[in-house]
Amino acid sequence: MPAQAPPKVERYAYRWNQENYSRLRRFIDIWLFVFRLTASRWLMNKAWSYRGGMTESNKARRRRQQAIWIRTTLLELGPTFIKAGQLFSTRSDLFPSEYVEELSKLQDRVPAFKFDLVERIIWQDFGRTIPDLFKSFDPIPLAAASLGQVHKAQLHSGEEVVVKIQRPGLKKLFDIDLRILKGIAHYFQNHPKWGPGRDWLGIYAECSRILYEEIDYLNEGKNADLFRRNFREVSWVDVPRVYWRYASPQVLTLSYKPGIKISHYEALEAAGIDRKLVARRGAEAYLRQLLHNGFFHADPHPGNIAVNPQGGLIFYDFGMMGQIATVTREKLLNTFFGIARKDAQQVMNALVELGALAPAADEGPIRRSIQYMLDNFMDQPFESQSVAQISDDLYEIAYSQPFRFPATFTFVMRAFSTLEGVGKGLDPDFNFMEVAKPFAGELMTNGGNSPNTENSGLLDQLSRQAVQVSSSALGLPSRLDDTLNKLEQGDVRLRVRSIETDRVLRRLSSVNMGTNYALLTGSFTITGTILLVNQLFWIALIPGVLALISGIAFLRLLLKIDRYERMF
């Protein structure tokens, strides 16, 4: 039987199993979704749209409902938006937590396409038929997803393989959808509320790059080969081999590596596999990717990791990979030093260098937010901290401050949270931070390279600190001279913020607005009365209605001022 899709998707199966897409139809469907989303977001802040009042619980309930609607609509819109939604689920610095939680649930189990299309794609890419290339080929796919489906086959040499076939017309669909999405990115970039502080065009460019890379199966094959080489000395990590004779931009053939899905806990138990060992290996494998190689699997959900009979890990699907450059790792090291010293200023400067924080004229609120996190987390034992808790708090601060976490950072945090959840399912006592402890110590002492001796790591750390202190001391006279020059030239600006003054100014503004409403109400009432006395009843109705509207606005403003005064 072909892979079954959720009932919601079956209603839209015609959108998945076609090669020619209508540009006009896609334009209407996509922009209709955007307009409905912006309208619902506008209603979110309107008190009259809430039954029972605009309470925090009612707002949270509406956000959850809206997030579910977004997820189902993206599923209906097809492959481009499923993948875009999965990417957006890593951007908690851009979207509320309810949206991120729902988008992370996006699953792309969709109807399989027909076998005659599989035959046609293989003929187009290789100029040969399936019997010419394979000894046997199962027409029923093992799995079907938004970008393609996987068939089991056997080569003429007798080796068992899996053949990944791309969904027909996918690149054309991406071309159409991404062109429309570029227009949407321009719309949000120019939006007075959602545009400032957000690089929507940069997000679009990043999303577009990742999506096109994921449908290039030759690129995925290169990723798989590199990933395999990086783990060649680790016996408990198994990576499928790529058969390049049977690879093309739309077809990828890999060695068949069956295993038990890492989240099938009962099956692992029944097979006699040590679940605690598997949990620890999952975390260690990912930390090795990040800290030793800088090349990591950006989508390590349970469907992409299996366990072989010996308790080793099998990795699948290398379309979405991340890379951390050496210079980035050095900047991360500066961030870690700042965290270890509880120095909010150093952490903030390091985040600006990383591009994770936009420079701001008033750095005070951001520095206080960072200091709050340092004071809270650094007072807890390292082993008791949760990756999910840390990332949630980070994103909560990021959503209200000008943070702009790069995709690499958010991929890493999501992967950590996923692996921590899987680890706790395998072993209730599992703690990701405990596994990471020796890796973090290694990173702090020598920047991620294997230390030759314990003393060399300590000396390296001391030398780093000495260089930092000496450079600060040597730079102090020039900084003082620069500050004095700015004072003489009048270039130093003093920013003073008084909460009491702000409160008085807001109250004066409200009183001024109230006076305007009162004058308008009185003027319209007098006008209406004069017209009524002169028996111009229908004309008198117009100023009467305007007087009523301005009167209601005046009363609402009085209630708002009263509530505000009670708060203080």
Protein backbone atom coordinates (compact mmCIF):
# COMPACT_ATOMS: atom_id res chain seq x y z
CA MET A 1 0.00 0.00 0.00
CA PRO A 2 1.30 3.52 -0.76
CA ALA A 3 2.09 5.82 2.14
CA GLN A 4 -1.15 7.14 3.61
CA ALA A 5 -1.69 10.86 4.10
CA PRO A 6 -3.71 12.57 6.81
CA PRO A 7 -7.40 13.14 5.81
CA LYS A 8 -6.81 16.90 5.59
CA VAL A 9 -4.24 16.37 2.84
CA GLU A 10 -6.34 13.91 0.82
CA ARG A 11 -8.79 16.73 -0.01
CA TYR A 12 -5.92 18.56 -1.70
CA ALA A 13 -4.25 15.57 -3.36
CA TYR A 14 -4.65 17.16 -6.80
CA ARG A 15 -2.14 19.81 -5.72
CA TRP A 16 0.50 17.19 -5.00
CA ASN A 17 0.24 14.85 -7.98
CA GLN A 18 0.61 17.23 -10.90
CA GLU A 19 3.48 18.63 -12.94
CA ASN A 20 1.94 21.86 -14.22
CA TYR A 21 0.93 24.51 -11.71
CA SER A 22 -1.16 27.60 -12.45
CA ARG A 23 0.71 30.80 -11.57
CA LEU A 24 -2.57 32.69 -11.17
CA ARG A 25 -4.07 30.02 -8.91
CA ARG A 26 -0.94 29.95 -6.73
CA PHE A 27 -0.87 33.77 -6.57
CA ILE A 28 -4.50 33.93 -5.40
CA ASP A 29 -4.14 31.08 -2.86
CA ILE A 30 -0.93 32.44 -1.32
CA TRP A 31 -1.95 36.10 -1.10
CA LEU A 32 -5.37 35.11 0.25
CA PHE A 33 -3.57 33.32 3.07
CA VAL A 34 -1.41 36.41 3.74
CA PHE A 35 -4.42 38.77 3.82
CA ARG A 36 -6.35 36.46 6.16
CA LEU A 37 -3.30 36.21 8.42
CA THR A 38 -2.77 39.99 8.59
CA ALA A 39 -6.48 40.56 9.21
CA SER A 40 -6.53 38.07 12.08
CA ARG A 41 -3.38 39.64 13.53
CA TRP A 42 -5.07 43.06 13.35
CA LEU A 43 -8.12 41.71 15.19
CA MET A 44 -5.83 40.25 17.85
CA ASN A 45 -5.37 43.72 19.40
CA LYS A 46 -9.01 44.83 19.16
CA ALA A 47 -10.86 44.49 22.45
CA TRP A 48 -14.30 44.44 20.80
CA SER A 49 -13.40 41.26 18.88
CA TYR A 50 -13.15 39.20 22.10
CA ARG A 51 -16.14 37.57 23.70
CA GLY A 52 -15.72 37.96 27.44
CA GLY A 53 -13.10 40.71 27.21
CA MET A 54 -9.50 40.94 25.99
CA THR A 55 -7.91 38.97 28.83
CA GLU A 56 -4.49 37.32 28.62
CA SER A 57 -6.08 33.84 28.63
CA ASN A 58 -8.40 34.80 25.75
CA LYS A 59 -5.49 36.26 23.77
CA ALA A 60 -3.37 33.14 24.36
CA ARG A 61 -6.29 30.92 23.29
CA ARG A 62 -6.74 32.90 20.08
CA ARG A 63 -3.01 32.75 19.33
CA ARG A 64 -3.10 28.94 19.69
CA GLN A 65 -6.12 28.69 17.39
CA GLN A 66 -4.43 30.95 14.87
CA ALA A 67 -1.23 28.89 15.03
CA ILE A 68 -3.17 25.67 14.29
CA TRP A 69 -4.88 27.38 11.34
CA ILE A 70 -1.49 28.53 9.99
CA ARG A 71 -0.08 24.99 10.21
CA THR A 72 -3.04 23.38 8.41
CA THR A 73 -3.06 26.09 5.73
CA LEU A 74 0.66 25.66 5.03
CA LEU A 75 0.03 21.93 4.68
CA GLU A 76 -2.72 22.63 2.15
CA LEU A 77 -0.50 25.05 0.18
CA GLY A 78 1.95 22.25 -0.56
CA PRO A 79 5.69 21.42 -0.56
CA THR A 80 7.14 24.95 -0.67
CA PHE A 81 5.14 26.10 2.33
CA ILE A 82 5.61 22.91 4.34
CA LYS A 83 9.37 23.34 4.04
CA ALA A 84 9.15 27.10 4.66
CA GLY A 85 7.03 26.41 7.75
CA GLN A 86 9.60 23.91 9.02
CA LEU A 87 12.30 26.56 8.55
CA PHE A 88 10.17 29.19 10.30
CA SER A 89 9.74 26.81 13.23
CA THR A 90 13.39 27.58 14.02
CA ARG A 91 12.82 31.36 14.07
CA SER A 92 11.51 31.96 17.57
CA ASP A 93 13.17 35.36 17.40
CA LEU A 94 10.59 36.34 14.76
CA PHE A 95 7.36 34.58 15.73
CA PRO A 96 5.39 34.03 18.96
CA SER A 97 6.00 30.77 20.82
CA GLU A 98 2.55 29.39 19.90
CA TYR A 99 3.37 29.70 16.19
CA VAL A 100 6.78 28.08 16.59
CA GLU A 101 5.33 25.17 18.57
CA GLU A 102 2.69 24.43 15.92
CA LEU A 103 5.05 24.86 12.98
CA SER A 104 7.47 22.39 14.56
CA LYS A 105 4.65 19.79 14.27
CA LEU A 106 4.51 20.15 10.48
CA GLN A 107 4.76 16.67 9.04
CA ASP A 108 5.06 16.15 5.31
CA ARG A 109 3.47 12.71 4.92
CA VAL A 110 1.61 13.17 1.66
CA PRO A 111 0.11 10.98 -1.09
CA ALA A 112 2.63 9.06 -3.18
CA PHE A 113 2.82 9.81 -6.90
CA LYS A 114 2.25 7.10 -9.50
CA PHE A 115 4.90 4.60 -10.55
CA ASP A 116 4.72 5.62 -14.22
CA LEU A 117 6.03 9.06 -13.16
CA VAL A 118 8.91 7.34 -11.37
CA GLU A 119 9.76 5.47 -14.57
CA ARG A 120 9.58 8.66 -16.61
CA ILE A 121 11.87 10.64 -14.24
CA ILE A 122 14.50 7.87 -14.27
CA TRP A 123 14.35 7.71 -18.09
CA GLN A 124 14.70 11.52 -18.33
CA ASP A 125 17.73 11.63 -16.01
CA PHE A 126 19.59 8.47 -17.12
CA GLY A 127 18.27 7.69 -20.59
CA ARG A 128 17.74 4.09 -19.42
CA THR A 129 14.80 2.11 -18.09
CA ILE A 130 14.45 0.80 -14.55
CA PRO A 131 15.19 -2.87 -15.59
CA ASP A 132 18.40 -1.65 -17.26
CA LEU A 133 19.60 -0.01 -14.03
CA PHE A 134 18.20 -2.27 -11.32
CA LYS A 135 17.77 -6.00 -10.89
CA SER A 136 14.56 -5.37 -8.93
CA PHE A 137 12.61 -2.25 -8.03
CA ASP A 138 9.66 -2.18 -5.62
CA PRO A 139 6.89 -0.04 -7.20
CA ILE A 140 5.35 0.63 -3.78
CA PRO A 141 7.35 3.36 -1.95
CA LEU A 142 8.68 2.83 1.55
CA ALA A 143 7.70 6.43 2.38
CA ALA A 144 6.38 9.53 0.62
CA ALA A 145 7.11 13.11 1.66
CA SER A 146 6.54 16.59 0.27
CA LEU A 147 9.74 16.63 -1.78
CA GLY A 148 9.89 13.02 -2.95
CA GLN A 149 9.46 9.34 -2.15
CA VAL A 150 11.75 6.39 -1.44
CA HIS A 151 11.68 2.97 -3.14
CA LYS A 152 13.58 -0.14 -2.20
CA ALA A 153 15.59 -1.72 -5.03
CA GLN A 154 18.44 -4.13 -5.81
CA LEU A 155 21.38 -3.52 -8.12
CA HIS A 156 22.48 -6.08 -10.67
CA SER A 157 25.50 -6.66 -8.42
CA GLY A 158 23.11 -7.90 -5.71
CA GLU A 159 23.49 -4.92 -3.35
CA GLU A 160 20.30 -3.69 -1.72
CA VAL A 161 19.65 0.04 -2.07
CA VAL A 162 17.01 2.71 -1.60
CA VAL A 163 16.20 5.06 -4.46
CA LYS A 164 14.97 8.56 -3.63
CA ILE A 165 12.84 10.08 -6.43
CA GLN A 166 11.95 13.77 -6.49
CA ARG A 167 8.30 14.78 -6.83
CA PRO A 168 7.45 15.78 -10.44
CA GLY A 169 7.34 19.48 -11.26
CA LEU A 170 8.84 20.44 -7.90
CA LYS A 171 11.41 22.93 -9.20
CA LYS A 172 8.77 24.68 -11.29
CA LEU A 173 6.53 24.92 -8.22
CA PHE A 174 9.43 26.38 -6.19
CA ASP A 175 10.12 28.94 -8.95
CA ILE A 176 6.47 30.09 -8.92
CA ASP A 177 6.03 30.10 -5.13
CA LEU A 178 9.34 31.74 -4.30
CA ARG A 179 8.69 34.55 -6.77
CA ILE A 180 5.39 35.21 -4.97
CA LEU A 181 7.09 34.91 -1.59
CA LYS A 182 9.61 37.56 -2.63
CA GLY A 183 6.73 39.99 -3.14
CA ILE A 184 5.36 39.05 0.30
CA ALA A 185 8.82 39.65 1.83
CA HIS A 186 8.84 43.15 0.29
CA TYR A 187 5.35 43.75 1.73
CA PHE A 188 6.41 42.80 5.26
CA GLN A 189 9.72 44.70 4.96
CA ASN A 190 7.79 47.90 4.19
CA HIS A 191 5.09 47.27 6.81
CA PRO A 192 5.15 50.05 9.45
CA LYS A 193 4.70 47.60 12.34
CA TRP A 194 6.39 44.35 11.22
CA GLY A 195 9.13 45.83 9.03
CA PRO A 196 11.41 47.78 11.40
CA GLY A 197 14.12 45.66 13.01
CA ARG A 198 13.43 42.63 10.80
CA ASP A 199 15.33 41.65 7.67
CA TRP A 200 12.48 39.94 5.80
CA LEU A 201 14.32 40.08 2.47
CA GLY A 202 17.34 38.45 4.10
CA ILE A 203 15.10 35.76 5.58
CA TYR A 204 13.56 35.18 2.14
CA ALA A 205 17.01 34.86 0.54
CA GLU A 206 18.13 32.39 3.20
CA CYS A 207 14.91 30.37 2.91
CA SER A 208 15.17 30.31 -0.89
CA ARG A 209 18.77 29.11 -0.78
CA ILE A 210 17.99 26.29 1.65
CA LEU A 211 14.94 25.13 -0.34
CA TYR A 212 16.79 24.98 -3.66
CA GLU A 213 19.70 23.13 -2.02
CA GLU A 214 17.30 20.56 -0.58
CA ILE A 215 15.86 19.63 -4.00
CA ASP A 216 19.32 19.21 -5.53
CA TYR A 217 19.93 15.51 -4.91
CA LEU A 218 23.52 15.72 -6.17
CA ASN A 219 24.20 18.25 -3.41
CA GLU A 220 22.53 15.92 -0.90
CA GLY A 221 24.79 13.10 -2.09
CA LYS A 222 27.88 15.27 -1.48
CA ASN A 223 26.57 16.07 2.00
CA ALA A 224 26.09 12.37 2.74
CA ASP A 225 29.64 11.57 1.58
CA LEU A 226 31.17 14.33 3.72
CA PHE A 227 29.09 13.32 6.74
CA ARG A 228 30.19 9.69 6.24
CA ARG A 229 33.87 10.68 6.07
CA ASN A 230 33.59 12.76 9.24
CA PHE A 231 32.42 9.68 11.17
CA ARG A 232 34.69 7.11 9.52
CA GLU A 233 36.58 6.55 12.80
CA VAL A 234 33.43 6.25 14.94
CA SER A 235 32.28 2.64 14.85
CA TRP A 236 28.85 3.28 16.34
CA VAL A 237 27.73 5.79 13.65
CA ASP A 238 26.50 4.32 10.34
CA VAL A 239 25.91 6.52 7.28
CA PRO A 240 24.51 5.18 3.97
CA ARG A 241 26.89 5.06 1.02
CA VAL A 242 26.04 7.01 -2.16
CA TYR A 243 26.03 5.12 -5.49
CA TRP A 244 27.06 7.91 -7.84
CA ARG A 245 26.39 5.88 -11.02
CA TYR A 246 22.72 6.00 -10.05
CA ALA A 247 22.54 9.61 -8.91
CA SER A 248 21.17 12.71 -10.68
CA PRO A 249 19.57 16.04 -9.67
CA GLN A 250 16.21 14.22 -9.25
CA VAL A 251 17.35 10.70 -8.25
CA LEU A 252 19.61 9.59 -5.40
CA THR A 253 20.59 5.98 -4.71
CA LEU A 254 21.96 5.01 -1.29
CA SER A 255 22.84 1.76 0.44
CA TYR A 256 19.94 0.15 2.30
CA LYS A 257 20.45 0.60 6.05
CA PRO A 258 17.43 -0.75 7.95
CA GLY A 259 17.07 -0.02 11.64
CA ILE A 260 14.66 0.71 14.47
CA LYS A 261 13.42 4.27 14.64
CA ILE A 262 15.14 5.96 17.58
CA SER A 263 11.80 7.01 19.11
CA HIS A 264 10.32 3.48 19.00
CA TYR A 265 11.30 2.86 22.59
CA GLU A 266 9.42 -0.43 23.09
CA ALA A 267 10.95 -1.92 19.92
CA LEU A 268 14.44 -1.00 21.13
CA GLU A 269 13.70 -2.59 24.48
CA ALA A 270 12.41 -5.76 22.80
CA ALA A 271 15.58 -5.95 20.65
CA GLY A 272 17.73 -5.89 23.81
CA ILE A 273 19.35 -2.57 22.97
CA ASP A 274 20.66 -0.41 25.83
CA ARG A 275 18.39 2.66 25.68
CA LYS A 276 20.63 4.72 27.99
CA LEU A 277 23.61 4.10 25.71
CA VAL A 278 21.58 5.11 22.64
CA ALA A 279 20.50 8.35 24.35
CA ARG A 280 24.09 9.23 25.22
CA ARG A 281 25.36 8.35 21.73
CA GLY A 282 22.72 10.55 20.10
CA ALA A 283 23.92 13.58 22.07
CA GLU A 284 27.62 12.76 21.58
CA ALA A 285 27.19 12.31 17.81
CA TYR A 286 25.64 15.74 17.48
CA LEU A 287 28.23 17.44 19.67
CA ARG A 288 30.97 15.85 17.56
CA GLN A 289 29.35 17.27 14.42
CA LEU A 290 29.28 20.77 15.88
CA LEU A 291 32.54 21.03 17.77
CA HIS A 292 34.90 18.74 15.86
CA ASN A 293 33.76 19.05 12.23
CA GLY A 294 31.59 22.16 12.07
CA PHE A 295 29.32 20.26 9.63
CA PHE A 296 26.06 19.10 11.17
CA HIS A 297 22.69 17.56 10.39
CA ALA A 298 20.21 20.44 10.55
CA ASP A 299 17.09 18.28 10.81
CA PRO A 300 17.78 15.42 13.27
CA HIS A 301 14.14 14.55 14.02
CA PRO A 302 13.38 10.94 15.07
CA GLY A 303 12.43 9.97 11.50
CA ASN A 304 15.99 10.70 10.34
CA ILE A 305 17.79 8.61 12.98
CA ALA A 306 17.54 4.84 13.47
CA VAL A 307 19.35 2.28 15.62
CA ASN A 308 21.01 -0.87 14.26
CA PRO A 309 21.04 -4.23 16.12
CA GLN A 310 24.41 -3.38 17.71
CA GLY A 311 23.08 -0.15 19.23
CA GLY A 312 24.77 2.08 16.66
CA LEU A 313 23.12 5.13 15.13
CA ILE A 314 22.05 5.30 11.47
CA PHE A 315 21.53 8.77 9.95
CA TYR A 316 19.24 9.45 6.99
CA ASP A 317 18.28 12.44 4.80
CA PHE A 318 21.14 14.87 4.21
CA GLY A 319 19.25 17.54 2.27
CA MET A 320 19.31 20.08 5.09
CA MET A 321 22.77 20.46 6.59
CA GLY A 322 24.45 23.29 8.49
CA GLN A 323 28.04 24.47 8.63
CA ILE A 324 29.90 26.53 11.24
CA ALA A 325 32.98 28.31 9.94
CA THR A 326 36.19 28.42 12.02
CA VAL A 327 35.88 32.20 12.50
CA THR A 328 32.33 31.69 13.80
CA ARG A 329 33.54 29.13 16.31
CA GLU A 330 36.11 31.65 17.55
CA LYS A 331 33.37 34.24 18.03
CA LEU A 332 31.29 31.65 19.86
CA LEU A 333 34.28 31.10 22.12
CA ASN A 334 34.27 34.81 23.05
CA THR A 335 30.57 34.47 23.86
CA PHE A 336 31.27 31.48 26.12
CA PHE A 337 34.02 33.40 27.94
CA GLY A 338 31.59 36.26 28.54
CA ILE A 339 28.95 33.83 29.85
CA ALA A 340 31.45 32.15 32.15
CA ARG A 341 32.49 35.55 33.58
CA LYS A 342 28.84 36.77 33.79
CA ASP A 343 29.90 39.79 31.75
CA ALA A 344 26.78 41.00 29.95
CA GLN A 345 28.72 43.66 28.01
CA GLN A 346 31.17 41.11 26.60
CA VAL A 347 28.33 38.74 25.68
CA MET A 348 26.46 41.57 23.96
CA ASN A 349 29.55 42.64 21.98
CA ALA A 350 30.21 39.02 20.94
CA LEU A 351 26.60 38.60 19.78
CA VAL A 352 26.90 41.77 17.68
CA GLU A 353 30.08 40.34 16.07
CA LEU A 354 28.24 37.07 15.38
CA GLY A 355 25.44 38.97 13.68
CA ALA A 356 22.94 37.63 16.22
CA LEU A 357 22.20 41.07 17.63
CA ALA A 358 21.52 44.33 15.83
CA PRO A 359 23.50 47.29 17.21
CA ALA A 360 21.17 49.66 19.06
CA ALA A 361 21.43 53.29 20.14
CA ASP A 362 20.16 52.39 23.61
CA GLU A 363 21.93 49.21 24.69
CA GLY A 364 20.72 49.36 28.29
CA PRO A 365 17.56 47.18 27.97
CA ILE A 366 19.42 44.54 25.94
CA ARG A 367 22.33 44.42 28.39
CA ARG A 368 19.91 44.10 31.33
CA SER A 369 18.09 41.24 29.57
CA ILE A 370 21.38 39.40 29.02
CA GLN A 371 22.48 40.05 32.60
CA TYR A 372 19.16 38.69 33.86
CA MET A 373 19.76 35.45 31.96
CA LEU A 374 23.35 35.17 33.20
CA ASP A 375 22.30 35.74 36.80
CA ASN A 376 19.53 33.14 36.58
CA PHE A 377 21.29 30.39 34.64
CA MET A 378 24.79 30.68 36.08
CA ASP A 379 23.46 30.28 39.61
CA GLN A 380 22.06 26.83 38.73
CA PRO A 381 24.11 23.63 38.60
CA PHE A 382 25.18 22.89 35.03
CA GLU A 383 23.69 19.39 35.15
CA SER A 384 20.23 20.61 36.19
CA GLN A 385 19.74 22.93 33.21
CA SER A 386 17.51 22.02 30.28
CA VAL A 387 18.31 22.89 26.67
CA ALA A 388 14.61 23.41 25.96
CA GLN A 389 14.26 25.78 28.93
CA ILE A 390 17.34 27.77 27.95
CA SER A 391 16.27 28.06 24.29
CA ASP A 392 12.70 29.04 25.28
CA ASP A 393 14.01 31.84 27.51
CA LEU A 394 16.48 32.94 24.84
CA TYR A 395 13.72 33.15 22.25
CA GLU A 396 11.36 34.92 24.64
CA ILE A 397 13.97 37.66 25.09
CA ALA A 398 14.81 37.64 21.38
CA TYR A 399 11.18 38.21 20.38
CA SER A 400 11.00 41.40 22.45
CA GLN A 401 14.52 42.68 21.68
CA PRO A 402 16.42 43.36 18.40
CA PHE A 403 17.99 39.88 18.28
CA ARG A 404 18.25 38.27 14.84
CA PHE A 405 19.44 34.73 15.40
CA PRO A 406 21.04 33.29 12.23
CA ALA A 407 19.56 30.09 10.80
CA THR A 408 22.63 28.13 11.93
CA PHE A 409 22.07 29.11 15.57
CA THR A 410 18.36 28.28 15.53
CA PHE A 411 18.98 24.96 13.72
CA VAL A 412 21.44 24.02 16.46
CA MET A 413 19.07 25.01 19.30
CA ARG A 414 16.16 23.12 17.72
CA ALA A 415 18.34 20.05 17.19
CA PHE A 416 19.52 20.20 20.81
CA SER A 417 15.92 20.42 22.06
CA THR A 418 14.82 17.54 19.79
CA LEU A 419 17.67 15.29 20.87
CA GLU A 420 17.05 16.15 24.52
CA GLY A 421 13.39 15.13 24.13
CA VAL A 422 14.34 11.85 22.43
CA GLY A 423 17.01 11.23 25.06
CA LYS A 424 14.53 11.62 27.91
CA GLY A 425 12.18 9.22 26.12
CA LEU A 426 14.98 6.67 25.95
CA ASP A 427 16.24 7.35 29.47
CA PRO A 428 14.15 9.36 31.99
CA ASP A 429 17.39 10.33 33.80
CA PHE A 430 19.08 11.59 30.62
CA ASN A 431 20.47 15.13 30.72
CA PHE A 432 21.86 16.66 27.55
CA MET A 433 23.84 19.27 29.47
CA GLU A 434 25.64 16.56 31.44
CA VAL A 435 26.76 14.88 28.19
CA ALA A 436 27.83 18.27 26.83
CA LYS A 437 29.90 19.11 29.93
CA PRO A 438 33.24 17.61 28.74
CA PHE A 439 32.74 19.06 25.25
CA ALA A 440 32.06 22.52 26.70
CA GLY A 441 35.16 22.22 28.88
CA GLU A 442 37.23 21.29 25.84
CA LEU A 443 35.83 24.24 23.89
CA MET A 444 36.57 26.65 26.74
CA THR A 445 40.19 25.49 27.10
CA ASN A 446 41.32 25.21 23.47
CA GLY A 447 38.59 26.44 21.13
CA GLY A 448 37.35 23.00 20.13
CA ASN A 449 40.65 21.29 19.18
CA SER A 450 41.73 18.18 21.03
CA PRO A 451 44.13 19.20 23.82
CA ASN A 452 47.59 17.71 23.92
CA THR A 453 47.82 17.90 27.70
CA GLU A 454 45.68 19.18 30.50
CA ASN A 455 48.26 21.85 31.35
CA SER A 456 48.40 23.13 27.77
CA GLY A 457 44.64 23.78 27.87
CA LEU A 458 44.96 25.70 31.13
CA LEU A 459 47.93 27.73 29.86
CA ASP A 460 46.06 28.50 26.65
CA GLN A 461 43.10 29.79 28.61
CA LEU A 462 45.31 31.90 30.88
CA SER A 463 47.14 33.34 27.87
CA ARG A 464 43.84 34.28 26.25
CA GLN A 465 42.75 36.08 29.40
CA ALA A 466 46.14 37.84 29.70
CA VAL A 467 46.01 39.04 26.09
CA GLN A 468 42.48 40.31 26.61
CA VAL A 469 43.39 42.23 29.78
CA SER A 470 46.57 43.69 28.26
CA SER A 471 44.79 44.80 25.08
CA SER A 472 42.11 46.49 27.18
CA ALA A 473 44.77 48.28 29.26
CA LEU A 474 46.76 49.41 26.23
CA GLY A 475 43.62 50.71 24.56
CA LEU A 476 42.46 52.71 27.56
CA PRO A 477 44.45 55.94 26.87
CA SER A 478 43.22 56.15 23.27
CA ARG A 479 39.63 55.58 24.40
CA LEU A 480 39.95 58.37 26.99
CA ASP A 481 41.44 60.71 24.38
CA ASP A 482 38.63 59.89 21.94
CA THR A 483 36.00 60.58 24.60
CA LEU A 484 37.58 63.97 25.48
CA ASN A 485 37.67 64.96 21.79
CA LYS A 486 33.99 64.13 21.44
CA LEU A 487 33.20 66.23 24.52
CA GLU A 488 35.08 69.22 23.06
CA GLN A 489 33.30 68.87 19.71
CA GLY A 490 29.88 68.42 21.29
CA ASP A 491 29.42 64.94 19.80
CA VAL A 492 28.55 63.24 23.10
CA ARG A 493 24.84 62.74 23.55
CA LEU A 494 23.31 62.12 26.95
CA ARG A 495 20.23 59.91 27.03
CA VAL A 496 18.12 60.29 30.20
CA ARG A 497 15.03 58.27 30.87
CA SER A 498 12.68 59.05 33.75
CA ILE A 499 9.73 56.75 34.33
CA GLU A 500 7.88 59.42 36.33
CA THR A 501 8.38 62.01 33.56
CA ASP A 502 7.21 59.50 30.94
CA ARG A 503 4.09 58.79 32.98
CA VAL A 504 3.25 62.50 33.35
CA LEU A 505 3.78 63.11 29.63
CA ARG A 506 1.52 60.20 28.71
CA ARG A 507 -1.13 61.50 31.09
CA LEU A 508 -0.90 65.01 29.59
CA SER A 509 -1.23 63.54 26.11
CA SER A 510 -4.32 61.59 27.17
CA VAL A 511 -5.87 64.67 28.81
CA ASN A 512 -5.18 66.69 25.66
CA MET A 513 -6.86 64.02 23.54
CA GLY A 514 -9.80 63.97 25.96
CA THR A 515 -10.19 67.74 25.60
CA ASN A 516 -10.33 67.35 21.83
CA TYR A 517 -13.00 64.64 22.10
CA ALA A 518 -15.04 66.83 24.51
CA LEU A 519 -14.86 69.82 22.13
CA LEU A 520 -15.91 67.66 19.19
CA THR A 521 -18.83 66.17 21.17
CA GLY A 522 -20.01 69.64 22.24
CA SER A 523 -19.64 71.10 18.73
CA PHE A 524 -21.56 68.27 17.05
CA THR A 525 -24.27 68.40 19.75
CA ILE A 526 -24.77 72.18 19.31
CA THR A 527 -24.84 71.81 15.50
CA GLY A 528 -27.38 69.01 15.71
CA THR A 529 -29.55 70.97 18.12
CA ILE A 530 -29.57 74.05 15.82
CA LEU A 531 -30.55 71.91 12.83
CA LEU A 532 -33.23 70.16 14.88
CA VAL A 533 -34.73 73.48 16.03
CA ASN A 534 -34.94 74.53 12.37
CA GLN A 535 -36.84 71.26 11.67
CA LEU A 536 -34.04 69.82 9.50
CA PHE A 537 -34.46 66.39 11.10
CA TRP A 538 -32.56 64.21 8.57
CA ILE A 539 -29.61 66.58 8.31
CA ALA A 540 -29.50 66.88 12.13
CA LEU A 541 -29.03 63.11 12.28
CA ILE A 542 -25.47 63.38 10.84
CA PRO A 543 -23.95 65.60 13.58
CA GLY A 544 -25.97 63.61 16.12
CA VAL A 545 -24.27 60.36 15.10
CA LEU A 546 -20.85 62.06 15.06
CA ALA A 547 -21.53 63.48 18.55
CA LEU A 548 -22.39 59.96 19.75
CA ILE A 549 -19.18 58.47 18.31
CA SER A 550 -16.93 61.18 19.77
CA GLY A 551 -18.77 60.89 23.10
CA ILE A 552 -18.15 57.13 23.27
CA ALA A 553 -14.47 57.70 22.41
CA PHE A 554 -14.29 60.32 25.17
CA LEU A 555 -15.77 57.92 27.76
CA ARG A 556 -13.39 55.10 26.72
CA LEU A 557 -10.45 57.48 27.08
CA LEU A 558 -11.60 58.47 30.59
CA LEU A 559 -11.81 54.79 31.58
CA LYS A 560 -8.32 54.18 30.14
CA ILE A 561 -6.87 57.11 32.12
CA ASP A 562 -8.57 55.83 35.28
CA ARG A 563 -7.12 52.30 34.83
CA TYR A 564 -3.66 53.73 34.14
CA GLU A 565 -3.78 55.88 37.31
CA ARG A 566 -4.72 52.84 39.40
CA MET A 567 -1.69 50.95 38.08
CA PHE A 568 0.60 53.63 39.50
